[in-house]
Every structure is written in C-alpha cells, then in structure tokens.
Amino acid sequence: MSHKVDLVGVEKWMCACCKCALEIRKVSVGYMGSKFPVDLPVCPKCGQVYVPEALATGKMAEVEKTLEDK
C-alpha cells in the first residue's frame, strides 16, 4: 500500500546541499519495525529525502500513534 502525498510545486524545490532539482521517488519509510512505501522528493545526487511538514505532522504522526498503541 503506497501513501500519496500532496506535492504541489515540488518541481521548484532544490537540494540545499547539491543545488539539484528534487525528483519524486518511491522511498521506504520505517518506524518501529514497520515499513511503508511513500512517494517523496529526493535529491538525485546525494539521496537526501525531503519530508513535507504536513506529512510529518499529519499522516506520519497518525501512523506512529497507531503503531505505538499496538
């Protein structure tokens, strides 16, 4: 199951280190032994992944709470 993230305007985002445009790639996000495939902006040069604030404080926080409650 892949989670979708609103990435409006991502084509304008740049890696702060490499100055490369970020590309949307499927990455594996892990927490407490569980892994989830998510499409996120990634620097094609250094591999740094950008996690939008809305995802980190919204959906990811919900998943963390659900996993911790088990």
PDB file of N, CA and C in Angstrom:
ATOM      1  N   MET A   1       0.845  -1.167   0.000  1.00  0.00           N
ATOM      2  CA  MET A   1       0.000   0.000   0.000  1.00  0.00           C
ATOM      3  C   MET A   1       0.895   1.238   0.000  1.00  0.00           C
ATOM      4  N   SER A   2       0.795   2.047  -1.018  1.00  0.00           N
ATOM      5  CA  SER A   2       1.602   3.252  -1.131  1.00  0.00           C
ATOM      6  C   SER A   2       0.788   4.461  -0.684  1.00  0.00           C
ATOM      7  N   HIS A   3       1.382   5.314   0.121  1.00  0.00           N
ATOM      8  CA  HIS A   3       0.698   6.513   0.594  1.00  0.00           C
ATOM      9  C   HIS A   3       0.984   7.660  -0.356  1.00  0.00           C
ATOM     10  N   LYS A   4      -0.051   8.437  -0.671  1.00  0.00           N
ATOM     11  CA  LYS A   4       0.095   9.580  -1.568  1.00  0.00           C
ATOM     12  C   LYS A   4       0.269  10.849  -0.742  1.00  0.00           C
ATOM     13  N   VAL A   5       1.130  11.724  -1.217  1.00  0.00           N
ATOM     14  CA  VAL A   5       1.424  12.978  -0.542  1.00  0.00           C
ATOM     15  C   VAL A   5       1.188  14.109  -1.525  1.00  0.00           C
ATOM     16  N   ASP A   6       0.581  15.206  -1.080  1.00  0.00           N
ATOM     17  CA  ASP A   6       0.359  16.362  -1.943  1.00  0.00           C
ATOM     18  C   ASP A   6       1.698  17.049  -2.171  1.00  0.00           C
ATOM     19  N   LEU A   7       2.183  17.002  -3.403  1.00  0.00           N
ATOM     20  CA  LEU A   7       3.494  17.564  -3.727  1.00  0.00           C
ATOM     21  C   LEU A   7       3.377  18.702  -4.732  1.00  0.00           C
ATOM     22  N   VAL A   8       2.358  19.536  -4.562  1.00  0.00           N
ATOM     23  CA  VAL A   8       2.164  20.675  -5.446  1.00  0.00           C
ATOM     24  C   VAL A   8       3.384  21.593  -5.359  1.00  0.00           C
ATOM     25  N   GLY A   9       3.941  21.935  -6.500  1.00  0.00           N
ATOM     26  CA  GLY A   9       5.079  22.847  -6.549  1.00  0.00           C
ATOM     27  C   GLY A   9       6.428  22.189  -6.354  1.00  0.00           C
ATOM     28  N   VAL A  10       6.466  20.861  -6.251  1.00  0.00           N
ATOM     29  CA  VAL A  10       7.726  20.170  -5.970  1.00  0.00           C
ATOM     30  C   VAL A  10       8.758  20.393  -7.071  1.00  0.00           C
ATOM     31  N   GLU A  11       8.299  20.650  -8.286  1.00  0.00           N
ATOM     32  CA  GLU A  11       9.243  20.848  -9.391  1.00  0.00           C
ATOM     33  C   GLU A  11      10.138  22.069  -9.179  1.00  0.00           C
ATOM     34  N   LYS A  12       9.797  22.917  -8.234  1.00  0.00           N
ATOM     35  CA  LYS A  12      10.592  24.114  -7.933  1.00  0.00           C
ATOM     36  C   LYS A  12      11.547  23.899  -6.760  1.00  0.00           C
ATOM     37  N   TRP A  13      11.431  22.775  -6.067  1.00  0.00           N
ATOM     38  CA  TRP A  13      12.252  22.539  -4.883  1.00  0.00           C
ATOM     39  C   TRP A  13      13.652  22.108  -5.294  1.00  0.00           C
ATOM     40  N   MET A  14      14.649  22.571  -4.537  1.00  0.00           N
ATOM     41  CA  MET A  14      16.046  22.267  -4.824  1.00  0.00           C
ATOM     42  C   MET A  14      16.716  21.729  -3.562  1.00  0.00           C
ATOM     43  N   CYS A  15      17.704  20.870  -3.730  1.00  0.00           N
ATOM     44  CA  CYS A  15      18.501  20.369  -2.622  1.00  0.00           C
ATOM     45  C   CYS A  15      19.389  21.511  -2.132  1.00  0.00           C
ATOM     46  N   ALA A  16      19.383  21.772  -0.843  1.00  0.00           N
ATOM     47  CA  ALA A  16      20.178  22.860  -0.276  1.00  0.00           C
ATOM     48  C   ALA A  16      21.674  22.589  -0.410  1.00  0.00           C
ATOM     49  N   CYS A  17      22.072  21.325  -0.380  1.00  0.00           N
ATOM     50  CA  CYS A  17      23.499  20.982  -0.478  1.00  0.00           C
ATOM     51  C   CYS A  17      23.998  20.934  -1.914  1.00  0.00           C
ATOM     52  N   CYS A  18      23.259  20.244  -2.774  1.00  0.00           N
ATOM     53  CA  CYS A  18      23.730  19.967  -4.136  1.00  0.00           C
ATOM     54  C   CYS A  18      23.227  20.959  -5.181  1.00  0.00           C
ATOM     55  N   LYS A  19      22.217  21.735  -4.820  1.00  0.00           N
ATOM     56  CA  LYS A  19      21.600  22.688  -5.759  1.00  0.00           C
ATOM     57  C   LYS A  19      20.967  21.990  -6.958  1.00  0.00           C
ATOM     58  N   CYS A  20      20.535  20.727  -6.773  1.00  0.00           N
ATOM     59  CA  CYS A  20      19.862  19.960  -7.821  1.00  0.00           C
ATOM     60  C   CYS A  20      18.354  20.008  -7.578  1.00  0.00           C
ATOM     61  N   ALA A  21      17.589  19.946  -8.659  1.00  0.00           N
ATOM     62  CA  ALA A  21      16.130  19.860  -8.534  1.00  0.00           C
ATOM     63  C   ALA A  21      15.758  18.507  -7.935  1.00  0.00           C
ATOM     64  N   LEU A  22      14.806  18.519  -6.994  1.00  0.00           N
ATOM     65  CA  LEU A  22      14.372  17.272  -6.384  1.00  0.00           C
ATOM     66  C   LEU A  22      13.489  16.496  -7.353  1.00  0.00           C
ATOM     67  N   GLU A  23      13.536  15.174  -7.259  1.00  0.00           N
ATOM     68  CA  GLU A  23      12.731  14.285  -8.086  1.00  0.00           C
ATOM     69  C   GLU A  23      11.855  13.440  -7.181  1.00  0.00           C
ATOM     70  N   ILE A  24      10.643  13.140  -7.643  1.00  0.00           N
ATOM     71  CA  ILE A  24       9.756  12.276  -6.874  1.00  0.00           C
ATOM     72  C   ILE A  24      10.207  10.834  -7.074  1.00  0.00           C
ATOM     73  N   ARG A  25      10.449  10.154  -5.960  1.00  0.00           N
ATOM     74  CA  ARG A  25      10.854   8.748  -5.992  1.00  0.00           C
ATOM     75  C   ARG A  25      10.145   8.000  -4.875  1.00  0.00           C
ATOM     76  N   LYS A  26       9.980   6.720  -5.063  1.00  0.00           N
ATOM     77  CA  LYS A  26       9.385   5.889  -4.014  1.00  0.00           C
ATOM     78  C   LYS A  26      10.479   5.573  -2.999  1.00  0.00           C
ATOM     79  N   VAL A  27      10.221   5.926  -1.741  1.00  0.00           N
ATOM     80  CA  VAL A  27      11.157   5.645  -0.664  1.00  0.00           C
ATOM     81  C   VAL A  27      10.448   4.805   0.394  1.00  0.00           C
ATOM     82  N   SER A  28      11.215   4.089   1.176  1.00  0.00           N
ATOM     83  CA  SER A  28      10.662   3.264   2.236  1.00  0.00           C
ATOM     84  C   SER A  28      10.818   4.005   3.560  1.00  0.00           C
ATOM     85  N   VAL A  29       9.693   4.293   4.196  1.00  0.00           N
ATOM     86  CA  VAL A  29       9.686   4.980   5.483  1.00  0.00           C
ATOM     87  C   VAL A  29       9.458   3.921   6.554  1.00  0.00           C
ATOM     88  N   GLY A  30      10.335   3.871   7.549  1.00  0.00           N
ATOM     89  CA  GLY A  30      10.221   2.860   8.582  1.00  0.00           C
ATOM     90  C   GLY A  30       9.992   3.447   9.957  1.00  0.00           C
ATOM     91  N   TYR A  31       9.236   2.707  10.773  1.00  0.00           N
ATOM     92  CA  TYR A  31       9.004   3.110  12.158  1.00  0.00           C
ATOM     93  C   TYR A  31       8.625   1.874  12.954  1.00  0.00           C
ATOM     94  N   MET A  32       9.328   1.630  14.037  1.00  0.00           N
ATOM     95  CA  MET A  32       9.069   0.513  14.945  1.00  0.00           C
ATOM     96  C   MET A  32       8.969  -0.821  14.198  1.00  0.00           C
ATOM     97  N   GLY A  33       9.868  -1.041  13.258  1.00  0.00           N
ATOM     98  CA  GLY A  33       9.902  -2.310  12.548  1.00  0.00           C
ATOM     99  C   GLY A  33       8.957  -2.436  11.371  1.00  0.00           C
ATOM    100  N   SER A  34       8.114  -1.453  11.157  1.00  0.00           N
ATOM    101  CA  SER A  34       7.196  -1.463  10.014  1.00  0.00           C
ATOM    102  C   SER A  34       7.728  -0.527   8.942  1.00  0.00           C
ATOM    103  N   LYS A  35       7.527  -0.896   7.675  1.00  0.00           N
ATOM    104  CA  LYS A  35       7.977  -0.064   6.560  1.00  0.00           C
ATOM    105  C   LYS A  35       6.810   0.239   5.643  1.00  0.00           C
ATOM    106  N   PHE A  36       6.814   1.463   5.096  1.00  0.00           N
ATOM    107  CA  PHE A  36       5.741   1.921   4.236  1.00  0.00           C
ATOM    108  C   PHE A  36       6.333   2.599   3.009  1.00  0.00           C
ATOM    109  N   PRO A  37       5.888   2.233   1.800  1.00  0.00           N
ATOM    110  CA  PRO A  37       6.372   2.916   0.596  1.00  0.00           C
ATOM    111  C   PRO A  37       5.654   4.254   0.426  1.00  0.00           C
ATOM    112  N   VAL A  38       6.417   5.317   0.200  1.00  0.00           N
ATOM    113  CA  VAL A  38       5.856   6.652   0.039  1.00  0.00           C
ATOM    114  C   VAL A  38       6.604   7.357  -1.094  1.00  0.00           C
ATOM    115  N   ASP A  39       5.868   8.064  -1.950  1.00  0.00           N
ATOM    116  CA  ASP A  39       6.494   8.870  -2.995  1.00  0.00           C
ATOM    117  C   ASP A  39       6.864  10.219  -2.392  1.00  0.00           C
ATOM    118  N   LEU A  40       8.164  10.524  -2.350  1.00  0.00           N
ATOM    119  CA  LEU A  40       8.645  11.762  -1.746  1.00  0.00           C
ATOM    120  C   LEU A  40       9.715  12.402  -2.628  1.00  0.00           C
ATOM    121  N   PRO A  41       9.939  13.715  -2.452  1.00  0.00           N
ATOM    122  CA  PRO A  41      11.013  14.391  -3.182  1.00  0.00           C
ATOM    123  C   PRO A  41      12.381  13.941  -2.675  1.00  0.00           C
ATOM    124  N   VAL A  42      13.268  13.598  -3.610  1.00  0.00           N
ATOM    125  CA  VAL A  42      14.604  13.106  -3.283  1.00  0.00           C
ATOM    126  C   VAL A  42      15.623  13.820  -4.164  1.00  0.00           C
ATOM    127  N   CYS A  43      16.782  14.147  -3.594  1.00  0.00           N
ATOM    128  CA  CYS A  43      17.872  14.711  -4.385  1.00  0.00           C
ATOM    129  C   CYS A  43      18.487  13.582  -5.203  1.00  0.00           C
ATOM    130  N   PRO A  44      18.559  13.726  -6.528  1.00  0.00           N
ATOM    131  CA  PRO A  44      19.127  12.662  -7.355  1.00  0.00           C
ATOM    132  C   PRO A  44      20.635  12.499  -7.170  1.00  0.00           C
ATOM    133  N   LYS A  45      21.283  13.504  -6.601  1.00  0.00           N
ATOM    134  CA  LYS A  45      22.742  13.453  -6.429  1.00  0.00           C
ATOM    135  C   LYS A  45      23.146  12.844  -5.078  1.00  0.00           C
ATOM    136  N   CYS A  46      22.624  13.408  -3.979  1.00  0.00           N
ATOM    137  CA  CYS A  46      23.047  12.941  -2.652  1.00  0.00           C
ATOM    138  C   CYS A  46      22.051  11.981  -2.000  1.00  0.00           C
ATOM    139  N   GLY A  47      20.846  11.892  -2.529  1.00  0.00           N
ATOM    140  CA  GLY A  47      19.858  10.963  -1.991  1.00  0.00           C
ATOM    141  C   GLY A  47      19.077  11.479  -0.795  1.00  0.00           C
ATOM    142  N   GLN A  48      19.319  12.716  -0.389  1.00  0.00           N
ATOM    143  CA  GLN A  48      18.591  13.292   0.745  1.00  0.00           C
ATOM    144  C   GLN A  48      17.103  13.350   0.419  1.00  0.00           C
ATOM    145  N   VAL A  49      16.261  12.911   1.368  1.00  0.00           N
ATOM    146  CA  VAL A  49      14.810  12.880   1.177  1.00  0.00           C
ATOM    147  C   VAL A  49      14.195  14.078   1.900  1.00  0.00           C
ATOM    148  N   TYR A  50      13.257  14.750   1.237  1.00  0.00           N
ATOM    149  CA  TYR A  50      12.531  15.853   1.863  1.00  0.00           C
ATOM    150  C   TYR A  50      11.174  15.340   2.317  1.00  0.00           C
ATOM    151  N   VAL A  51      10.884  15.469   3.614  1.00  0.00           N
ATOM    152  CA  VAL A  51       9.589  15.090   4.163  1.00  0.00           C
ATOM    153  C   VAL A  51       8.815  16.382   4.441  1.00  0.00           C
ATOM    154  N   PRO A  52       7.757  16.639   3.666  1.00  0.00           N
ATOM    155  CA  PRO A  52       6.967  17.857   3.887  1.00  0.00           C
ATOM    156  C   PRO A  52       6.386  17.904   5.301  1.00  0.00           C
ATOM    157  N   GLU A  53       6.305  19.100   5.859  1.00  0.00           N
ATOM    158  CA  GLU A  53       5.805  19.275   7.228  1.00  0.00           C
ATOM    159  C   GLU A  53       4.416  18.674   7.411  1.00  0.00           C
ATOM    160  N   ALA A  54       3.545  18.862   6.425  1.00  0.00           N
ATOM    161  CA  ALA A  54       2.184  18.344   6.539  1.00  0.00           C
ATOM    162  C   ALA A  54       2.174  16.818   6.677  1.00  0.00           C
ATOM    163  N   LEU A  55       3.074  16.149   6.004  1.00  0.00           N
ATOM    164  CA  LEU A  55       3.163  14.699   6.117  1.00  0.00           C
ATOM    165  C   LEU A  55       3.726  14.297   7.472  1.00  0.00           C
ATOM    166  N   ALA A  56       4.767  14.984   7.913  1.00  0.00           N
ATOM    167  CA  ALA A  56       5.417  14.648   9.186  1.00  0.00           C
ATOM    168  C   ALA A  56       4.493  14.874  10.378  1.00  0.00           C
ATOM    169  N   THR A  57       3.726  15.941  10.355  1.00  0.00           N
ATOM    170  CA  THR A  57       2.862  16.267  11.496  1.00  0.00           C
ATOM    171  C   THR A  57       1.458  15.706  11.344  1.00  0.00           C
ATOM    172  N   GLY A  58       1.128  15.233  10.155  1.00  0.00           N
ATOM    173  CA  GLY A  58      -0.210  14.705   9.900  1.00  0.00           C
ATOM    174  C   GLY A  58      -0.214  13.193   9.831  1.00  0.00           C
ATOM    175  N   LYS A  59      -0.091  12.677   8.625  1.00  0.00           N
ATOM    176  CA  LYS A  59      -0.220  11.235   8.386  1.00  0.00           C
ATOM    177  C   LYS A  59       0.829  10.423   9.139  1.00  0.00           C
ATOM    178  N   MET A  60       2.089  10.867   9.131  1.00  0.00           N
ATOM    179  CA  MET A  60       3.137  10.112   9.831  1.00  0.00           C
ATOM    180  C   MET A  60       2.872  10.072  11.330  1.00  0.00           C
ATOM    181  N   ALA A  61       2.403  11.174  11.889  1.00  0.00           N
ATOM    182  CA  ALA A  61       2.097  11.214  13.317  1.00  0.00           C
ATOM    183  C   ALA A  61       0.961  10.241  13.645  1.00  0.00           C
ATOM    184  N   GLU A  62      -0.037  10.143  12.749  1.00  0.00           N
ATOM    185  CA  GLU A  62      -1.140   9.204  12.949  1.00  0.00           C
ATOM    186  C   GLU A  62      -0.634   7.760  12.932  1.00  0.00           C
ATOM    187  N   VAL A  63       0.225   7.445  11.969  1.00  0.00           N
ATOM    188  CA  VAL A  63       0.772   6.091  11.854  1.00  0.00           C
ATOM    189  C   VAL A  63       1.608   5.755  13.085  1.00  0.00           C
ATOM    190  N   GLU A  64       2.443   6.698  13.550  1.00  0.00           N
ATOM    191  CA  GLU A  64       3.255   6.474  14.747  1.00  0.00           C
ATOM    192  C   GLU A  64       2.371   6.154  15.941  1.00  0.00           C
ATOM    193  N   LYS A  65       1.325   6.942  16.132  1.00  0.00           N
ATOM    194  CA  LYS A  65       0.427   6.732  17.277  1.00  0.00           C
ATOM    195  C   LYS A  65      -0.240   5.362  17.185  1.00  0.00           C
ATOM    196  N   THR A  66      -0.691   4.998  15.992  1.00  0.00           N
ATOM    197  CA  THR A  66      -1.341   3.691  15.800  1.00  0.00           C
ATOM    198  C   THR A  66      -0.381   2.557  16.129  1.00  0.00           C
ATOM    199  N   LEU A  67       0.851   2.649  15.643  1.00  0.00           N
ATOM    200  CA  LEU A  67       1.840   1.598  15.910  1.00  0.00           C
ATOM    201  C   LEU A  67       2.222   1.522  17.380  1.00  0.00           C
ATOM    202  N   GLU A  68       2.328   2.687  18.030  1.00  0.00           N
ATOM    203  CA  GLU A  68       2.700   2.703  19.452  1.00  0.00           C
ATOM    204  C   GLU A  68       1.590   2.154  20.333  1.00  0.00           C
ATOM    205  N   ASP A  69       0.339   2.311  19.891  1.00  0.00           N
ATOM    206  CA  ASP A  69      -0.791   1.834  20.679  1.00  0.00           C
ATOM    207  C   ASP A  69      -0.979   0.320  20.589  1.00  0.00           C
ATOM    208  N   LYS A  70      -0.305  -0.326  19.648  1.00  0.00           N
ATOM    209  CA  LYS A  70      -0.462  -1.793  19.484  1.00  0.00           C
ATOM    210  C   LYS A  70       0.282  -2.541  20.558  1.00  0.00           C
TER     211      LYS A  70
END
